[in-house]
Amino acid sequence: PSKSPMASPVFFIKKKDGSLHLVQDYLVLNVMTVKNRYSLPLISELVNNL
């Protein structure tokens, strides 16, 4: 197991047919993620500004 604060736990869930499905829990990682304050401009806006 990773000790990094930027890691997210991985585990398997059994599907109805008995096979395993890999699942990753990003909840804690999403809370720590810094949100982008400046969105990228639309290509159409950039072209219109030329």
PDB file of N, CA and C in Angstrom:
ATOM      1  N   PRO A   1       0.818  -1.200   0.000  1.00  0.00           N
ATOM      2  CA  PRO A   1       0.000   0.000   0.000  1.00  0.00           C
ATOM      3  C   PRO A   1       0.862   1.263   0.000  1.00  0.00           C
ATOM      4  N   SER A   2       0.402   2.243  -0.706  1.00  0.00           N
ATOM      5  CA  SER A   2       1.120   3.512  -0.789  1.00  0.00           C
ATOM      6  C   SER A   2       0.857   4.358   0.451  1.00  0.00           C
ATOM      7  N   LYS A   3       1.877   5.094   0.871  1.00  0.00           N
ATOM      8  CA  LYS A   3       1.746   6.017   2.003  1.00  0.00           C
ATOM      9  C   LYS A   3       1.602   7.458   1.508  1.00  0.00           C
ATOM     10  N   SER A   4       1.568   7.639   0.193  1.00  0.00           N
ATOM     11  CA  SER A   4       1.469   8.965  -0.399  1.00  0.00           C
ATOM     12  C   SER A   4       0.093   9.573  -0.123  1.00  0.00           C
ATOM     13  N   PRO A   5       0.036  10.873   0.186  1.00  0.00           N
ATOM     14  CA  PRO A   5      -1.267  11.515   0.373  1.00  0.00           C
ATOM     15  C   PRO A   5      -2.034  11.652  -0.942  1.00  0.00           C
ATOM     16  N   MET A   6      -1.354  11.461  -2.058  1.00  0.00           N
ATOM     17  CA  MET A   6      -1.994  11.587  -3.367  1.00  0.00           C
ATOM     18  C   MET A   6      -2.447  10.237  -3.917  1.00  0.00           C
ATOM     19  N   ALA A   7      -2.472   9.215  -3.091  1.00  0.00           N
ATOM     20  CA  ALA A   7      -2.907   7.888  -3.523  1.00  0.00           C
ATOM     21  C   ALA A   7      -4.397   7.717  -3.238  1.00  0.00           C
ATOM     22  N   SER A   8      -5.023   6.799  -3.951  1.00  0.00           N
ATOM     23  CA  SER A   8      -6.421   6.479  -3.691  1.00  0.00           C
ATOM     24  C   SER A   8      -6.553   4.963  -3.578  1.00  0.00           C
ATOM     25  N   PRO A   9      -7.396   4.494  -2.665  1.00  0.00           N
ATOM     26  CA  PRO A   9      -7.520   3.056  -2.457  1.00  0.00           C
ATOM     27  C   PRO A   9      -8.141   2.351  -3.661  1.00  0.00           C
ATOM     28  N   VAL A  10      -7.655   1.140  -3.898  1.00  0.00           N
ATOM     29  CA  VAL A  10      -8.152   0.305  -4.992  1.00  0.00           C
ATOM     30  C   VAL A  10      -8.663  -0.993  -4.375  1.00  0.00           C
ATOM     31  N   PHE A  11      -9.805  -1.448  -4.836  1.00  0.00           N
ATOM     32  CA  PHE A  11     -10.337  -2.712  -4.339  1.00  0.00           C
ATOM     33  C   PHE A  11     -11.201  -3.339  -5.421  1.00  0.00           C
ATOM     34  N   PHE A  12     -11.623  -4.573  -5.195  1.00  0.00           N
ATOM     35  CA  PHE A  12     -12.444  -5.301  -6.146  1.00  0.00           C
ATOM     36  C   PHE A  12     -13.849  -5.482  -5.596  1.00  0.00           C
ATOM     37  N   ILE A  13     -14.817  -5.413  -6.491  1.00  0.00           N
ATOM     38  CA  ILE A  13     -16.208  -5.693  -6.160  1.00  0.00           C
ATOM     39  C   ILE A  13     -16.636  -6.885  -7.008  1.00  0.00           C
ATOM     40  N   LYS A  14     -17.304  -7.828  -6.384  1.00  0.00           N
ATOM     41  CA  LYS A  14     -17.758  -9.006  -7.116  1.00  0.00           C
ATOM     42  C   LYS A  14     -19.025  -8.653  -7.886  1.00  0.00           C
ATOM     43  N   LYS A  15     -19.008  -8.940  -9.194  1.00  0.00           N
ATOM     44  CA  LYS A  15     -20.161  -8.674 -10.043  1.00  0.00           C
ATOM     45  C   LYS A  15     -21.171  -9.813  -9.921  1.00  0.00           C
ATOM     46  N   LYS A  16     -22.366  -9.628 -10.471  1.00  0.00           N
ATOM     47  CA  LYS A  16     -23.422 -10.641 -10.386  1.00  0.00           C
ATOM     48  C   LYS A  16     -23.001 -11.973 -10.989  1.00  0.00           C
ATOM     49  N   ASP A  17     -22.165 -11.910 -12.046  1.00  0.00           N
ATOM     50  CA  ASP A  17     -21.740 -13.152 -12.698  1.00  0.00           C
ATOM     51  C   ASP A  17     -20.562 -13.815 -11.981  1.00  0.00           C
ATOM     52  N   GLY A  18     -20.117 -13.237 -10.860  1.00  0.00           N
ATOM     53  CA  GLY A  18     -19.027 -13.813 -10.082  1.00  0.00           C
ATOM     54  C   GLY A  18     -17.654 -13.272 -10.427  1.00  0.00           C
ATOM     55  N   SER A  19     -17.536 -12.545 -11.536  1.00  0.00           N
ATOM     56  CA  SER A  19     -16.241 -11.968 -11.900  1.00  0.00           C
ATOM     57  C   SER A  19     -15.972 -10.740 -11.034  1.00  0.00           C
ATOM     58  N   LEU A  20     -14.728 -10.289 -11.052  1.00  0.00           N
ATOM     59  CA  LEU A  20     -14.336  -9.151 -10.225  1.00  0.00           C
ATOM     60  C   LEU A  20     -14.234  -7.883 -11.054  1.00  0.00           C
ATOM     61  N   HIS A  21     -14.621  -6.774 -10.448  1.00  0.00           N
ATOM     62  CA  HIS A  21     -14.573  -5.460 -11.087  1.00  0.00           C
ATOM     63  C   HIS A  21     -13.659  -4.571 -10.253  1.00  0.00           C
ATOM     64  N   LEU A  22     -12.606  -4.022 -10.881  1.00  0.00           N
ATOM     65  CA  LEU A  22     -11.667  -3.149 -10.197  1.00  0.00           C
ATOM     66  C   LEU A  22     -12.299  -1.781  -9.967  1.00  0.00           C
ATOM     67  N   VAL A  23     -12.234  -1.289  -8.729  1.00  0.00           N
ATOM     68  CA  VAL A  23     -12.830  -0.008  -8.358  1.00  0.00           C
ATOM     69  C   VAL A  23     -11.775   0.824  -7.644  1.00  0.00           C
ATOM     70  N   GLN A  24     -11.757   2.128  -7.925  1.00  0.00           N
ATOM     71  CA  GLN A  24     -10.827   3.040  -7.263  1.00  0.00           C
ATOM     72  C   GLN A  24     -11.637   4.162  -6.628  1.00  0.00           C
ATOM     73  N   ASP A  25     -11.359   4.463  -5.358  1.00  0.00           N
ATOM     74  CA  ASP A  25     -12.099   5.479  -4.611  1.00  0.00           C
ATOM     75  C   ASP A  25     -11.323   6.790  -4.631  1.00  0.00           C
ATOM     76  N   TYR A  26     -11.804   7.759  -5.400  1.00  0.00           N
ATOM     77  CA  TYR A  26     -11.127   9.047  -5.560  1.00  0.00           C
ATOM     78  C   TYR A  26     -11.676  10.123  -4.617  1.00  0.00           C
ATOM     79  N   LEU A  27     -12.528   9.780  -3.672  1.00  0.00           N
ATOM     80  CA  LEU A  27     -13.181  10.769  -2.824  1.00  0.00           C
ATOM     81  C   LEU A  27     -12.176  11.665  -2.101  1.00  0.00           C
ATOM     82  N   VAL A  28     -11.215  11.090  -1.384  1.00  0.00           N
ATOM     83  CA  VAL A  28     -10.239  11.887  -0.630  1.00  0.00           C
ATOM     84  C   VAL A  28      -9.345  12.675  -1.584  1.00  0.00           C
ATOM     85  N   LEU A  29      -8.953  12.061  -2.686  1.00  0.00           N
ATOM     86  CA  LEU A  29      -8.103  12.738  -3.661  1.00  0.00           C
ATOM     87  C   LEU A  29      -8.825  13.933  -4.281  1.00  0.00           C
ATOM     88  N   ASN A  30     -10.101  13.791  -4.562  1.00  0.00           N
ATOM     89  CA  ASN A  30     -10.881  14.900  -5.126  1.00  0.00           C
ATOM     90  C   ASN A  30     -10.988  16.068  -4.153  1.00  0.00           C
ATOM     91  N   VAL A  31     -11.082  15.780  -2.866  1.00  0.00           N
ATOM     92  CA  VAL A  31     -11.163  16.841  -1.858  1.00  0.00           C
ATOM     93  C   VAL A  31      -9.863  17.637  -1.825  1.00  0.00           C
ATOM     94  N   MET A  32      -8.718  16.972  -2.026  1.00  0.00           N
ATOM     95  CA  MET A  32      -7.411  17.631  -1.959  1.00  0.00           C
ATOM     96  C   MET A  32      -7.036  18.343  -3.254  1.00  0.00           C
ATOM     97  N   THR A  33      -7.727  18.063  -4.340  1.00  0.00           N
ATOM     98  CA  THR A  33      -7.381  18.628  -5.639  1.00  0.00           C
ATOM     99  C   THR A  33      -7.673  20.125  -5.679  1.00  0.00           C
ATOM    100  N   VAL A  34      -6.722  20.894  -6.181  1.00  0.00           N
ATOM    101  CA  VAL A  34      -6.902  22.337  -6.329  1.00  0.00           C
ATOM    102  C   VAL A  34      -7.705  22.582  -7.602  1.00  0.00           C
ATOM    103  N   LYS A  35      -8.794  23.287  -7.462  1.00  0.00           N
ATOM    104  CA  LYS A  35      -9.661  23.562  -8.611  1.00  0.00           C
ATOM    105  C   LYS A  35      -9.024  24.608  -9.524  1.00  0.00           C
ATOM    106  N   ASN A  36      -9.254  24.458 -10.816  1.00  0.00           N
ATOM    107  CA  ASN A  36      -8.739  25.395 -11.800  1.00  0.00           C
ATOM    108  C   ASN A  36      -9.588  26.666 -11.753  1.00  0.00           C
ATOM    109  N   ARG A  37      -8.970  27.782 -11.424  1.00  0.00           N
ATOM    110  CA  ARG A  37      -9.716  29.037 -11.306  1.00  0.00           C
ATOM    111  C   ARG A  37      -9.950  29.713 -12.646  1.00  0.00           C
ATOM    112  N   TYR A  38      -9.140  29.387 -13.631  1.00  0.00           N
ATOM    113  CA  TYR A  38      -9.234  30.040 -14.931  1.00  0.00           C
ATOM    114  C   TYR A  38      -9.504  28.988 -15.995  1.00  0.00           C
ATOM    115  N   SER A  39     -10.690  29.009 -16.555  1.00  0.00           N
ATOM    116  CA  SER A  39     -11.015  28.037 -17.590  1.00  0.00           C
ATOM    117  C   SER A  39     -10.352  28.437 -18.902  1.00  0.00           C
ATOM    118  N   LEU A  40     -10.117  27.454 -19.732  1.00  0.00           N
ATOM    119  CA  LEU A  40      -9.525  27.716 -21.041  1.00  0.00           C
ATOM    120  C   LEU A  40     -10.564  28.370 -21.946  1.00  0.00           C
ATOM    121  N   PRO A  41     -10.144  29.307 -22.793  1.00  0.00           N
ATOM    122  CA  PRO A  41     -11.106  29.949 -23.697  1.00  0.00           C
ATOM    123  C   PRO A  41     -11.571  28.969 -24.779  1.00  0.00           C
ATOM    124  N   LEU A  42     -12.756  29.209 -25.283  1.00  0.00           N
ATOM    125  CA  LEU A  42     -13.278  28.396 -26.376  1.00  0.00           C
ATOM    126  C   LEU A  42     -12.506  28.703 -27.652  1.00  0.00           C
ATOM    127  N   ILE A  43     -12.294  27.688 -28.470  1.00  0.00           N
ATOM    128  CA  ILE A  43     -11.562  27.876 -29.725  1.00  0.00           C
ATOM    129  C   ILE A  43     -12.273  28.903 -30.602  1.00  0.00           C
ATOM    130  N   SER A  44     -13.603  28.858 -30.626  1.00  0.00           N
ATOM    131  CA  SER A  44     -14.350  29.816 -31.455  1.00  0.00           C
ATOM    132  C   SER A  44     -14.089  31.255 -31.002  1.00  0.00           C
ATOM    133  N   GLU A  45     -13.933  31.480 -29.712  1.00  0.00           N
ATOM    134  CA  GLU A  45     -13.625  32.826 -29.220  1.00  0.00           C
ATOM    135  C   GLU A  45     -12.217  33.249 -29.627  1.00  0.00           C
ATOM    136  N   LEU A  46     -11.274  32.329 -29.580  1.00  0.00           N
ATOM    137  CA  LEU A  46      -9.904  32.642 -29.988  1.00  0.00           C
ATOM    138  C   LEU A  46      -9.840  32.998 -31.467  1.00  0.00           C
ATOM    139  N   VAL A  47     -10.558  32.239 -32.287  1.00  0.00           N
ATOM    140  CA  VAL A  47     -10.562  32.491 -33.730  1.00  0.00           C
ATOM    141  C   VAL A  47     -11.206  33.844 -34.020  1.00  0.00           C
ATOM    142  N   ASN A  48     -12.270  34.169 -33.328  1.00  0.00           N
ATOM    143  CA  ASN A  48     -12.940  35.459 -33.535  1.00  0.00           C
ATOM    144  C   ASN A  48     -12.059  36.631 -33.137  1.00  0.00           C
ATOM    145  N   ASN A  49     -11.147  36.419 -32.210  1.00  0.00           N
ATOM    146  CA  ASN A  49     -10.249  37.488 -31.763  1.00  0.00           C
ATOM    147  C   ASN A  49      -9.082  37.723 -32.714  1.00  0.00           C
ATOM    148  N   LEU A  50      -8.890  36.845 -33.684  1.00  0.00           N
ATOM    149  CA  LEU A  50      -7.766  37.009 -34.625  1.00  0.00           C
ATOM    150  C   LEU A  50      -8.004  38.127 -35.608  1.00  0.00           C
TER     151      LEU A  50
END
